[in-house]
Amino acid sequence: MRSSQRVTPDPGPSFWTSRRAPGTWPLLAARRGASVTASDLTPRMVELGRARSEAEHLGVVWMEADAEVLPFATGRFDVVTSAFGAMFAPRPEIAASELFRVTRPGGLVVMANRFEGLASEVHVERRSTTFEFTSIQEGWESLERSNGPLNALKQLFPPETYAATQERVLELMTELNRADDGRLAIEWTYALVVAVRGA
């Protein structure tokens, strides 16, 4: 079972997700009838996510939000996910506490992080996925648009240092590329962590 299938609720439950980029989980949940709120720290990612959901006429509520100070009531959501979003928070322990705070007792929190002292149950599953693009350049451009830490480096580094970083990333993409027809296909393994909030 894919991670998106594992956490996508049946029609009815409230579903919140924090994304580094406009991903598929909010759309999958909305297609199944969930009441979905999705957020990102950056206005651009919110704009892109809203455009995707509106293109499918899905009622996803998109908003800017800081994972360390979520603007939601305690126990507001049945399912809370964060895929490559809250994991980049400067204080991950605070972000994790906030995700659990807005989850109802017995609800699900799904993210790649530590939940010490917060969860009554934690299930870890090994998963793999493939990033595919029509070219290495397209892969780089997608990474540059959506990767928060990389965008921060672009702002902090002198142009020549950032250019050297870009060159190294492109070299890594070339080394890891499993496609031989001009496309970019990089396989990677991750841990899917599903936590249940205690009573």
N, C-alpha and C. Protein backbone atom coordinates (compact mmCIF):
# COMPACT_ATOMS: atom_id res chain seq x y z
N MET A 1 0.85 -1.19 0.00
CA MET A 1 0.00 0.00 0.00
C MET A 1 0.88 1.24 0.00
N ARG A 2 0.58 2.20 -0.83
CA ARG A 2 1.34 3.44 -0.86
C ARG A 2 1.00 4.29 0.35
N SER A 3 1.95 5.21 0.70
CA SER A 3 1.74 6.04 1.87
C SER A 3 0.50 6.89 1.72
N SER A 4 0.24 7.41 0.53
CA SER A 4 -0.93 8.24 0.32
C SER A 4 -2.21 7.44 0.53
N GLN A 5 -2.20 6.17 0.16
CA GLN A 5 -3.37 5.34 0.38
C GLN A 5 -3.55 5.05 1.86
N ARG A 6 -2.45 4.90 2.57
CA ARG A 6 -2.50 4.55 3.98
C ARG A 6 -3.17 5.64 4.80
N VAL A 7 -2.90 6.91 4.47
CA VAL A 7 -3.39 7.99 5.33
C VAL A 7 -4.58 8.72 4.75
N THR A 8 -5.00 8.44 3.51
CA THR A 8 -6.15 9.12 2.94
C THR A 8 -7.42 8.63 3.62
N PRO A 9 -8.20 9.54 4.23
CA PRO A 9 -9.36 9.11 4.99
C PRO A 9 -10.54 8.78 4.11
N ASP A 10 -11.50 8.04 4.69
CA ASP A 10 -12.78 7.85 4.04
C ASP A 10 -13.53 9.18 4.09
N PRO A 11 -14.60 9.32 3.28
CA PRO A 11 -15.34 10.58 3.25
C PRO A 11 -15.76 11.02 4.65
N GLY A 12 -15.58 12.31 4.92
CA GLY A 12 -16.06 12.85 6.17
C GLY A 12 -14.99 13.46 7.06
N PRO A 13 -13.90 12.73 7.41
CA PRO A 13 -12.96 13.26 8.37
C PRO A 13 -12.28 14.55 7.92
N SER A 14 -11.88 15.36 8.90
CA SER A 14 -11.11 16.57 8.60
C SER A 14 -9.65 16.19 8.44
N PHE A 15 -8.97 16.83 7.52
CA PHE A 15 -7.64 16.41 7.09
C PHE A 15 -6.80 17.65 6.91
N TRP A 16 -5.65 17.73 7.61
CA TRP A 16 -4.75 18.87 7.43
C TRP A 16 -3.40 18.37 7.00
N THR A 17 -2.78 19.09 6.07
CA THR A 17 -1.46 18.69 5.62
C THR A 17 -0.58 19.90 5.40
N SER A 18 0.67 19.76 5.76
CA SER A 18 1.68 20.78 5.51
C SER A 18 2.62 20.23 4.46
N ARG A 19 2.86 21.02 3.40
CA ARG A 19 3.67 20.52 2.29
C ARG A 19 4.81 21.47 1.97
N ARG A 20 5.95 20.87 1.60
CA ARG A 20 7.05 21.67 1.06
C ARG A 20 6.72 22.13 -0.34
N ALA A 21 5.92 21.35 -1.03
CA ALA A 21 5.49 21.68 -2.39
C ALA A 21 4.06 21.19 -2.53
N PRO A 22 3.35 21.71 -3.54
CA PRO A 22 1.95 21.29 -3.72
C PRO A 22 1.85 19.84 -4.12
N GLY A 23 1.66 18.94 -3.15
CA GLY A 23 1.69 17.51 -3.40
C GLY A 23 0.34 16.90 -3.63
N THR A 24 0.29 15.57 -3.55
CA THR A 24 -0.92 14.84 -3.93
C THR A 24 -1.83 14.51 -2.76
N TRP A 25 -1.32 14.47 -1.53
CA TRP A 25 -2.15 14.04 -0.42
C TRP A 25 -3.40 14.90 -0.22
N PRO A 26 -3.30 16.22 -0.25
CA PRO A 26 -4.53 17.02 -0.10
C PRO A 26 -5.56 16.72 -1.18
N LEU A 27 -5.09 16.51 -2.41
CA LEU A 27 -6.01 16.24 -3.50
C LEU A 27 -6.65 14.87 -3.35
N LEU A 28 -5.85 13.87 -2.95
CA LEU A 28 -6.40 12.53 -2.75
C LEU A 28 -7.47 12.53 -1.66
N ALA A 29 -7.20 13.22 -0.58
CA ALA A 29 -8.17 13.27 0.51
C ALA A 29 -9.44 13.98 0.08
N ALA A 30 -9.29 15.10 -0.64
CA ALA A 30 -10.46 15.86 -1.08
C ALA A 30 -11.30 15.07 -2.07
N ARG A 31 -10.64 14.30 -2.94
CA ARG A 31 -11.39 13.48 -3.90
C ARG A 31 -12.26 12.45 -3.20
N ARG A 32 -11.85 12.03 -2.02
CA ARG A 32 -12.61 11.03 -1.29
C ARG A 32 -13.61 11.64 -0.32
N GLY A 33 -13.76 12.96 -0.39
CA GLY A 33 -14.80 13.61 0.39
C GLY A 33 -14.37 14.17 1.72
N ALA A 34 -13.08 14.15 2.04
CA ALA A 34 -12.62 14.71 3.31
C ALA A 34 -12.67 16.23 3.26
N SER A 35 -12.82 16.85 4.42
CA SER A 35 -12.73 18.30 4.54
C SER A 35 -11.26 18.64 4.74
N VAL A 36 -10.62 19.21 3.73
CA VAL A 36 -9.16 19.33 3.70
C VAL A 36 -8.71 20.78 3.86
N THR A 37 -7.77 20.98 4.76
CA THR A 37 -7.06 22.24 4.90
C THR A 37 -5.59 21.95 4.64
N ALA A 38 -4.98 22.70 3.74
CA ALA A 38 -3.56 22.50 3.40
C ALA A 38 -2.83 23.82 3.58
N SER A 39 -1.58 23.73 4.00
CA SER A 39 -0.84 24.96 4.25
C SER A 39 0.62 24.82 3.88
N ASP A 40 1.26 25.97 3.74
CA ASP A 40 2.70 26.03 3.52
C ASP A 40 3.17 27.34 4.11
N LEU A 41 4.44 27.40 4.44
CA LEU A 41 4.99 28.63 5.01
C LEU A 41 5.12 29.73 3.97
N THR A 42 5.29 29.34 2.69
CA THR A 42 5.55 30.32 1.64
C THR A 42 4.32 30.61 0.79
N PRO A 43 4.07 31.88 0.46
CA PRO A 43 2.92 32.23 -0.36
C PRO A 43 2.93 31.55 -1.73
N ARG A 44 4.12 31.36 -2.32
CA ARG A 44 4.20 30.76 -3.65
C ARG A 44 3.70 29.32 -3.66
N MET A 45 4.07 28.54 -2.64
CA MET A 45 3.62 27.16 -2.58
C MET A 45 2.12 27.07 -2.33
N VAL A 46 1.59 28.00 -1.56
CA VAL A 46 0.14 28.06 -1.34
C VAL A 46 -0.56 28.38 -2.66
N GLU A 47 -0.01 29.30 -3.42
CA GLU A 47 -0.59 29.68 -4.71
C GLU A 47 -0.60 28.49 -5.67
N LEU A 48 0.50 27.74 -5.73
CA LEU A 48 0.58 26.59 -6.62
C LEU A 48 -0.40 25.49 -6.19
N GLY A 49 -0.46 25.24 -4.89
CA GLY A 49 -1.38 24.22 -4.40
C GLY A 49 -2.82 24.58 -4.67
N ARG A 50 -3.17 25.84 -4.44
CA ARG A 50 -4.55 26.28 -4.69
C ARG A 50 -4.91 26.13 -6.17
N ALA A 51 -3.95 26.43 -7.05
CA ALA A 51 -4.21 26.30 -8.48
C ALA A 51 -4.48 24.85 -8.85
N ARG A 52 -3.74 23.91 -8.26
CA ARG A 52 -3.96 22.49 -8.56
C ARG A 52 -5.33 22.03 -8.10
N SER A 53 -5.72 22.39 -6.89
CA SER A 53 -7.01 21.94 -6.39
C SER A 53 -8.17 22.62 -7.12
N GLU A 54 -8.01 23.89 -7.48
CA GLU A 54 -9.06 24.58 -8.21
C GLU A 54 -9.22 24.01 -9.62
N ALA A 55 -8.10 23.55 -10.21
CA ALA A 55 -8.18 22.96 -11.55
C ALA A 55 -9.05 21.70 -11.55
N GLU A 56 -9.11 21.02 -10.41
CA GLU A 56 -9.94 19.82 -10.28
C GLU A 56 -11.27 20.11 -9.59
N HIS A 57 -11.52 21.39 -9.32
CA HIS A 57 -12.76 21.80 -8.65
C HIS A 57 -12.91 21.12 -7.29
N LEU A 58 -11.80 21.07 -6.55
CA LEU A 58 -11.81 20.47 -5.22
C LEU A 58 -11.81 21.57 -4.16
N GLY A 59 -12.57 21.36 -3.13
CA GLY A 59 -12.73 22.39 -2.10
C GLY A 59 -11.65 22.36 -1.03
N VAL A 60 -10.40 22.35 -1.43
CA VAL A 60 -9.30 22.37 -0.46
C VAL A 60 -9.06 23.81 -0.02
N VAL A 61 -8.99 24.03 1.29
CA VAL A 61 -8.69 25.36 1.83
C VAL A 61 -7.18 25.49 1.96
N TRP A 62 -6.59 26.40 1.21
CA TRP A 62 -5.14 26.63 1.25
C TRP A 62 -4.85 27.89 2.03
N MET A 63 -3.82 27.84 2.88
CA MET A 63 -3.47 29.00 3.67
C MET A 63 -1.99 28.97 4.06
N GLU A 64 -1.45 30.15 4.37
CA GLU A 64 -0.09 30.22 4.89
C GLU A 64 -0.12 29.90 6.38
N ALA A 65 0.81 29.09 6.83
CA ALA A 65 0.87 28.75 8.25
C ALA A 65 2.27 28.32 8.63
N ASP A 66 2.66 28.65 9.84
CA ASP A 66 3.95 28.25 10.41
C ASP A 66 3.72 26.99 11.22
N ALA A 67 4.46 25.92 10.92
CA ALA A 67 4.27 24.64 11.60
C ALA A 67 4.54 24.74 13.10
N GLU A 68 5.26 25.76 13.53
CA GLU A 68 5.54 25.91 14.95
C GLU A 68 4.45 26.68 15.69
N VAL A 69 3.57 27.36 14.94
CA VAL A 69 2.48 28.12 15.56
C VAL A 69 1.25 27.97 14.66
N LEU A 70 0.61 26.82 14.72
CA LEU A 70 -0.52 26.54 13.83
C LEU A 70 -1.77 27.31 14.28
N PRO A 71 -2.47 27.93 13.33
CA PRO A 71 -3.64 28.75 13.66
C PRO A 71 -4.93 27.94 13.75
N PHE A 72 -4.88 26.81 14.46
CA PHE A 72 -6.04 25.94 14.56
C PHE A 72 -6.30 25.58 16.02
N ALA A 73 -7.57 25.27 16.32
CA ALA A 73 -7.94 24.89 17.67
C ALA A 73 -7.38 23.51 18.02
N THR A 74 -7.22 23.25 19.27
CA THR A 74 -6.75 21.94 19.74
C THR A 74 -7.75 20.85 19.35
N GLY A 75 -7.25 19.75 18.80
CA GLY A 75 -8.11 18.63 18.41
C GLY A 75 -8.95 18.89 17.19
N ARG A 76 -8.54 19.84 16.36
CA ARG A 76 -9.35 20.26 15.21
C ARG A 76 -9.46 19.18 14.12
N PHE A 77 -8.40 18.38 13.90
CA PHE A 77 -8.36 17.48 12.74
C PHE A 77 -8.32 16.01 13.14
N ASP A 78 -8.91 15.18 12.27
CA ASP A 78 -8.85 13.74 12.43
C ASP A 78 -7.52 13.17 11.95
N VAL A 79 -7.00 13.73 10.86
CA VAL A 79 -5.74 13.28 10.26
C VAL A 79 -4.87 14.49 10.00
N VAL A 80 -3.61 14.42 10.43
CA VAL A 80 -2.65 15.50 10.20
C VAL A 80 -1.42 14.90 9.53
N THR A 81 -1.02 15.45 8.40
CA THR A 81 0.16 14.96 7.72
C THR A 81 1.12 16.10 7.43
N SER A 82 2.38 15.77 7.33
CA SER A 82 3.38 16.73 6.91
C SER A 82 4.44 15.98 6.13
N ALA A 83 4.45 16.18 4.83
CA ALA A 83 5.41 15.51 3.96
C ALA A 83 6.43 16.52 3.45
N PHE A 84 7.65 16.42 3.98
CA PHE A 84 8.73 17.34 3.59
C PHE A 84 8.36 18.79 3.85
N GLY A 85 7.64 19.02 4.94
CA GLY A 85 7.24 20.37 5.30
C GLY A 85 7.72 20.71 6.69
N ALA A 86 6.99 20.23 7.71
CA ALA A 86 7.33 20.55 9.10
C ALA A 86 8.70 20.01 9.50
N MET A 87 9.20 19.01 8.78
CA MET A 87 10.51 18.45 9.11
C MET A 87 11.63 19.48 8.97
N PHE A 88 11.36 20.57 8.22
CA PHE A 88 12.37 21.60 8.05
C PHE A 88 12.22 22.75 9.05
N ALA A 89 11.31 22.62 9.99
CA ALA A 89 11.11 23.67 10.99
C ALA A 89 12.39 23.86 11.80
N PRO A 90 12.72 25.10 12.17
CA PRO A 90 13.94 25.35 12.96
C PRO A 90 13.94 24.59 14.29
N ARG A 91 12.73 24.43 14.89
CA ARG A 91 12.62 23.72 16.17
C ARG A 91 11.65 22.55 15.98
N PRO A 92 12.14 21.40 15.50
CA PRO A 92 11.27 20.29 15.15
C PRO A 92 10.44 19.76 16.31
N GLU A 93 10.97 19.86 17.54
CA GLU A 93 10.20 19.38 18.68
C GLU A 93 8.94 20.21 18.90
N ILE A 94 9.03 21.52 18.61
CA ILE A 94 7.86 22.39 18.75
C ILE A 94 6.86 22.12 17.63
N ALA A 95 7.39 21.93 16.41
CA ALA A 95 6.50 21.62 15.28
C ALA A 95 5.76 20.31 15.53
N ALA A 96 6.46 19.29 16.04
CA ALA A 96 5.81 18.01 16.32
C ALA A 96 4.72 18.17 17.37
N SER A 97 4.99 18.97 18.40
CA SER A 97 3.99 19.20 19.44
C SER A 97 2.76 19.88 18.87
N GLU A 98 2.96 20.81 17.96
CA GLU A 98 1.84 21.51 17.35
C GLU A 98 0.99 20.57 16.49
N LEU A 99 1.64 19.69 15.75
CA LEU A 99 0.89 18.74 14.93
C LEU A 99 0.01 17.85 15.81
N PHE A 100 0.56 17.41 16.94
CA PHE A 100 -0.24 16.58 17.84
C PHE A 100 -1.33 17.40 18.53
N ARG A 101 -1.05 18.66 18.81
CA ARG A 101 -2.05 19.50 19.48
C ARG A 101 -3.31 19.63 18.65
N VAL A 102 -3.16 19.81 17.32
CA VAL A 102 -4.33 20.05 16.48
C VAL A 102 -5.00 18.76 16.03
N THR A 103 -4.44 17.61 16.45
CA THR A 103 -5.03 16.31 16.12
C THR A 103 -5.95 15.87 17.27
N ARG A 104 -7.12 15.37 16.94
CA ARG A 104 -8.04 14.89 17.98
C ARG A 104 -7.46 13.65 18.66
N PRO A 105 -7.82 13.38 19.90
CA PRO A 105 -7.39 12.14 20.56
C PRO A 105 -7.79 10.92 19.73
N GLY A 106 -6.82 10.04 19.48
CA GLY A 106 -7.07 8.88 18.64
C GLY A 106 -6.88 9.13 17.16
N GLY A 107 -6.63 10.39 16.78
CA GLY A 107 -6.42 10.72 15.38
C GLY A 107 -5.00 10.37 14.93
N LEU A 108 -4.76 10.51 13.64
CA LEU A 108 -3.47 10.12 13.07
C LEU A 108 -2.59 11.33 12.77
N VAL A 109 -1.32 11.20 13.10
CA VAL A 109 -0.29 12.16 12.71
C VAL A 109 0.71 11.40 11.85
N VAL A 110 0.95 11.87 10.64
CA VAL A 110 1.82 11.15 9.71
C VAL A 110 2.92 12.11 9.24
N MET A 111 4.16 11.79 9.59
CA MET A 111 5.30 12.59 9.15
C MET A 111 6.57 11.80 9.42
N ALA A 112 7.66 12.24 8.84
CA ALA A 112 8.95 11.61 9.09
C ALA A 112 9.67 12.40 10.17
N ASN A 113 9.45 11.99 11.43
CA ASN A 113 10.04 12.72 12.54
C ASN A 113 9.94 11.91 13.81
N ARG A 114 10.37 12.47 14.94
CA ARG A 114 10.32 11.79 16.23
C ARG A 114 9.10 12.25 17.01
N PHE A 115 8.46 11.31 17.74
CA PHE A 115 7.24 11.61 18.47
C PHE A 115 7.36 11.22 19.95
N GLU A 116 8.55 11.29 20.51
CA GLU A 116 8.76 10.85 21.88
C GLU A 116 7.81 11.56 22.84
N GLY A 117 7.08 10.79 23.64
CA GLY A 117 6.22 11.35 24.65
C GLY A 117 4.91 11.91 24.13
N LEU A 118 4.65 11.79 22.82
CA LEU A 118 3.44 12.38 22.25
C LEU A 118 2.46 11.34 21.75
N ALA A 119 2.94 10.22 21.28
CA ALA A 119 2.08 9.24 20.63
C ALA A 119 1.85 8.01 21.51
N SER A 120 0.63 7.47 21.42
CA SER A 120 0.34 6.22 22.12
C SER A 120 0.76 5.02 21.29
N GLU A 121 0.79 5.19 19.97
CA GLU A 121 1.24 4.13 19.05
C GLU A 121 2.05 4.76 17.93
N VAL A 122 3.10 4.09 17.51
CA VAL A 122 3.90 4.54 16.37
C VAL A 122 4.18 3.34 15.49
N HIS A 123 3.85 3.45 14.21
CA HIS A 123 4.10 2.39 13.24
C HIS A 123 5.07 2.92 12.18
N VAL A 124 6.12 2.18 11.92
CA VAL A 124 7.13 2.59 10.94
C VAL A 124 7.16 1.57 9.81
N GLU A 125 7.07 2.08 8.59
CA GLU A 125 7.10 1.21 7.42
C GLU A 125 8.14 1.73 6.43
N ARG A 126 8.91 0.82 5.86
CA ARG A 126 9.90 1.17 4.85
C ARG A 126 9.22 1.31 3.50
N ARG A 127 9.45 2.42 2.83
CA ARG A 127 8.83 2.68 1.54
C ARG A 127 9.89 3.19 0.55
N SER A 128 9.57 3.14 -0.72
CA SER A 128 10.45 3.71 -1.74
C SER A 128 9.60 4.40 -2.79
N THR A 129 10.19 5.36 -3.44
CA THR A 129 9.49 6.07 -4.49
C THR A 129 10.50 6.53 -5.54
N THR A 130 10.03 7.02 -6.65
CA THR A 130 10.90 7.47 -7.73
C THR A 130 10.52 8.88 -8.16
N PHE A 131 11.49 9.77 -8.18
CA PHE A 131 11.29 11.10 -8.72
C PHE A 131 11.61 11.03 -10.21
N GLU A 132 10.65 11.42 -11.04
CA GLU A 132 10.84 11.35 -12.49
C GLU A 132 10.58 12.70 -13.14
N PHE A 133 11.48 13.08 -14.03
CA PHE A 133 11.36 14.31 -14.79
C PHE A 133 11.81 14.05 -16.23
N THR A 134 11.42 14.93 -17.13
CA THR A 134 11.78 14.73 -18.53
C THR A 134 13.26 14.93 -18.79
N SER A 135 13.96 15.62 -17.86
CA SER A 135 15.40 15.83 -18.01
C SER A 135 16.00 16.16 -16.65
N ILE A 136 17.31 16.10 -16.57
CA ILE A 136 18.00 16.47 -15.33
C ILE A 136 17.77 17.94 -15.04
N GLN A 137 17.77 18.77 -16.07
CA GLN A 137 17.55 20.19 -15.88
C GLN A 137 16.17 20.46 -15.30
N GLU A 138 15.17 19.74 -15.79
CA GLU A 138 13.82 19.92 -15.25
C GLU A 138 13.78 19.50 -13.78
N GLY A 139 14.49 18.43 -13.44
CA GLY A 139 14.56 17.99 -12.05
C GLY A 139 15.18 19.05 -11.17
N TRP A 140 16.26 19.66 -11.65
CA TRP A 140 16.92 20.72 -10.89
C TRP A 140 15.97 21.91 -10.71
N GLU A 141 15.30 22.31 -11.77
CA GLU A 141 14.40 23.47 -11.69
C GLU A 141 13.26 23.21 -10.72
N SER A 142 12.74 21.98 -10.69
CA SER A 142 11.69 21.64 -9.74
C SER A 142 12.22 21.71 -8.31
N LEU A 143 13.42 21.18 -8.10
CA LEU A 143 14.04 21.22 -6.78
C LEU A 143 14.27 22.65 -6.32
N GLU A 144 14.75 23.47 -7.23
CA GLU A 144 15.04 24.86 -6.89
C GLU A 144 13.77 25.64 -6.55
N ARG A 145 12.67 25.31 -7.23
CA ARG A 145 11.40 25.99 -6.95
C ARG A 145 10.81 25.62 -5.60
N SER A 146 10.97 24.35 -5.22
CA SER A 146 10.17 23.84 -4.10
C SER A 146 10.94 23.49 -2.83
N ASN A 147 12.26 23.48 -2.88
CA ASN A 147 13.04 23.06 -1.72
C ASN A 147 13.40 24.25 -0.85
N GLY A 148 12.81 24.28 0.35
CA GLY A 148 13.03 25.41 1.25
C GLY A 148 14.49 25.64 1.62
N PRO A 149 15.21 24.62 2.09
CA PRO A 149 16.62 24.83 2.44
C PRO A 149 17.47 25.31 1.26
N LEU A 150 17.18 24.79 0.07
CA LEU A 150 17.94 25.23 -1.10
C LEU A 150 17.66 26.69 -1.40
N ASN A 151 16.40 27.11 -1.26
CA ASN A 151 16.07 28.51 -1.47
C ASN A 151 16.76 29.41 -0.45
N ALA A 152 16.88 28.91 0.79
CA ALA A 152 17.58 29.67 1.82
C ALA A 152 19.05 29.83 1.47
N LEU A 153 19.66 28.75 0.97
CA LEU A 153 21.06 28.83 0.57
C LEU A 153 21.25 29.84 -0.57
N LYS A 154 20.30 29.88 -1.47
CA LYS A 154 20.40 30.81 -2.60
C LYS A 154 20.41 32.26 -2.12
N GLN A 155 19.66 32.51 -1.03
CA GLN A 155 19.61 33.85 -0.48
C GLN A 155 20.86 34.19 0.33
N LEU A 156 21.44 33.17 0.97
CA LEU A 156 22.56 33.41 1.88
C LEU A 156 23.92 33.37 1.19
N PHE A 157 24.06 32.48 0.20
CA PHE A 157 25.37 32.27 -0.42
C PHE A 157 25.68 33.35 -1.45
N PRO A 158 26.96 33.67 -1.62
CA PRO A 158 27.37 34.48 -2.76
C PRO A 158 27.05 33.73 -4.05
N PRO A 159 26.82 34.41 -5.16
CA PRO A 159 26.44 33.74 -6.41
C PRO A 159 27.38 32.62 -6.83
N GLU A 160 28.69 32.82 -6.64
CA GLU A 160 29.63 31.80 -7.08
C GLU A 160 29.54 30.54 -6.20
N THR A 161 29.26 30.73 -4.91
CA THR A 161 29.11 29.58 -4.01
C THR A 161 27.85 28.80 -4.34
N TYR A 162 26.77 29.53 -4.63
CA TYR A 162 25.52 28.85 -4.99
C TYR A 162 25.68 28.11 -6.31
N ALA A 163 26.41 28.72 -7.25
CA ALA A 163 26.64 28.06 -8.54
C ALA A 163 27.41 26.76 -8.35
N ALA A 164 28.36 26.76 -7.42
CA ALA A 164 29.11 25.53 -7.13
C ALA A 164 28.20 24.48 -6.51
N THR A 165 27.28 24.93 -5.66
CA THR A 165 26.30 24.01 -5.06
C THR A 165 25.42 23.40 -6.14
N GLN A 166 24.96 24.23 -7.06
CA GLN A 166 24.13 23.75 -8.16
C GLN A 166 24.89 22.71 -9.00
N GLU A 167 26.15 22.99 -9.28
CA GLU A 167 26.96 22.06 -10.07
C GLU A 167 27.08 20.71 -9.39
N ARG A 168 27.28 20.73 -8.05
CA ARG A 168 27.41 19.48 -7.31
C ARG A 168 26.10 18.70 -7.30
N VAL A 169 24.98 19.40 -7.12
CA VAL A 169 23.68 18.73 -7.12
C VAL A 169 23.41 18.09 -8.48
N LEU A 170 23.74 18.79 -9.55
CA LEU A 170 23.55 18.24 -10.89
C LEU A 170 24.43 17.00 -11.09
N GLU A 171 25.64 17.02 -10.55
CA GLU A 171 26.51 15.85 -10.63
C GLU A 171 25.89 14.67 -9.89
N LEU A 172 25.33 14.93 -8.70
CA LEU A 172 24.69 13.87 -7.92
C LEU A 172 23.48 13.30 -8.66
N MET A 173 22.70 14.19 -9.28
CA MET A 173 21.55 13.73 -10.05
C MET A 173 21.99 12.82 -11.19
N THR A 174 23.09 13.19 -11.83
CA THR A 174 23.61 12.38 -12.93
C THR A 174 24.08 11.02 -12.42
N GLU A 175 24.76 11.01 -11.27
CA GLU A 175 25.25 9.77 -10.69
C GLU A 175 24.11 8.84 -10.27
N LEU A 176 23.04 9.41 -9.74
CA LEU A 176 21.93 8.61 -9.21
C LEU A 176 20.87 8.29 -10.25
N ASN A 177 20.97 8.90 -11.40
CA ASN A 177 19.95 8.73 -12.43
C ASN A 177 19.90 7.28 -12.94
N ARG A 178 18.71 6.69 -12.91
CA ARG A 178 18.54 5.31 -13.37
C ARG A 178 18.00 5.25 -14.81
N ALA A 179 17.69 6.41 -15.38
CA ALA A 179 17.19 6.44 -16.76
C ALA A 179 18.36 6.60 -17.73
N ASP A 180 18.21 6.05 -18.91
CA ASP A 180 19.27 6.14 -19.92
C ASP A 180 18.74 6.72 -21.23
N ASP A 181 17.60 7.40 -21.15
CA ASP A 181 17.00 7.95 -22.36
C ASP A 181 16.83 9.47 -22.31
N GLY A 182 17.65 10.13 -21.45
CA GLY A 182 17.57 11.58 -21.35
C GLY A 182 16.69 12.06 -20.21
N ARG A 183 15.85 11.16 -19.67
CA ARG A 183 15.01 11.54 -18.54
C ARG A 183 15.82 11.48 -17.24
N LEU A 184 15.19 11.96 -16.16
CA LEU A 184 15.77 11.82 -14.84
C LEU A 184 14.85 10.93 -14.02
N ALA A 185 15.39 9.86 -13.45
CA ALA A 185 14.62 8.96 -12.60
C ALA A 185 15.50 8.56 -11.43
N ILE A 186 15.19 9.07 -10.26
CA ILE A 186 15.98 8.80 -9.07
C ILE A 186 15.11 8.07 -8.06
N GLU A 187 15.53 6.89 -7.66
CA GLU A 187 14.81 6.13 -6.66
C GLU A 187 15.40 6.42 -5.28
N TRP A 188 14.52 6.53 -4.29
CA TRP A 188 15.02 6.74 -2.93
C TRP A 188 14.08 6.06 -1.94
N THR A 189 14.65 5.71 -0.80
CA THR A 189 13.92 5.00 0.24
C THR A 189 13.68 5.94 1.42
N TYR A 190 12.51 5.81 2.02
CA TYR A 190 12.17 6.64 3.17
C TYR A 190 11.39 5.82 4.18
N ALA A 191 11.24 6.35 5.37
CA ALA A 191 10.45 5.70 6.42
C ALA A 191 9.12 6.42 6.56
N LEU A 192 8.02 5.70 6.38
CA LEU A 192 6.69 6.22 6.62
C LEU A 192 6.37 5.98 8.10
N VAL A 193 6.16 7.06 8.84
CA VAL A 193 5.87 6.97 10.27
C VAL A 193 4.43 7.40 10.50
N VAL A 194 3.61 6.50 11.03
CA VAL A 194 2.22 6.80 11.36
C VAL A 194 2.09 6.74 12.88
N ALA A 195 1.69 7.86 13.47
CA ALA A 195 1.56 7.93 14.93
C ALA A 195 0.12 8.20 15.32
N VAL A 196 -0.32 7.60 16.40
CA VAL A 196 -1.66 7.80 16.93
C VAL A 196 -1.54 8.61 18.22
N ARG A 197 -2.28 9.70 18.28
CA ARG A 197 -2.24 10.53 19.48
C ARG A 197 -2.94 9.80 20.64
N GLY A 198 -2.36 9.88 21.82
CA GLY A 198 -2.96 9.26 22.99
C GLY A 198 -4.20 10.02 23.45
N ALA A 199 -4.95 9.44 24.36
CA ALA A 199 -6.17 10.06 24.88
C ALA A 199 -5.83 11.31 25.70
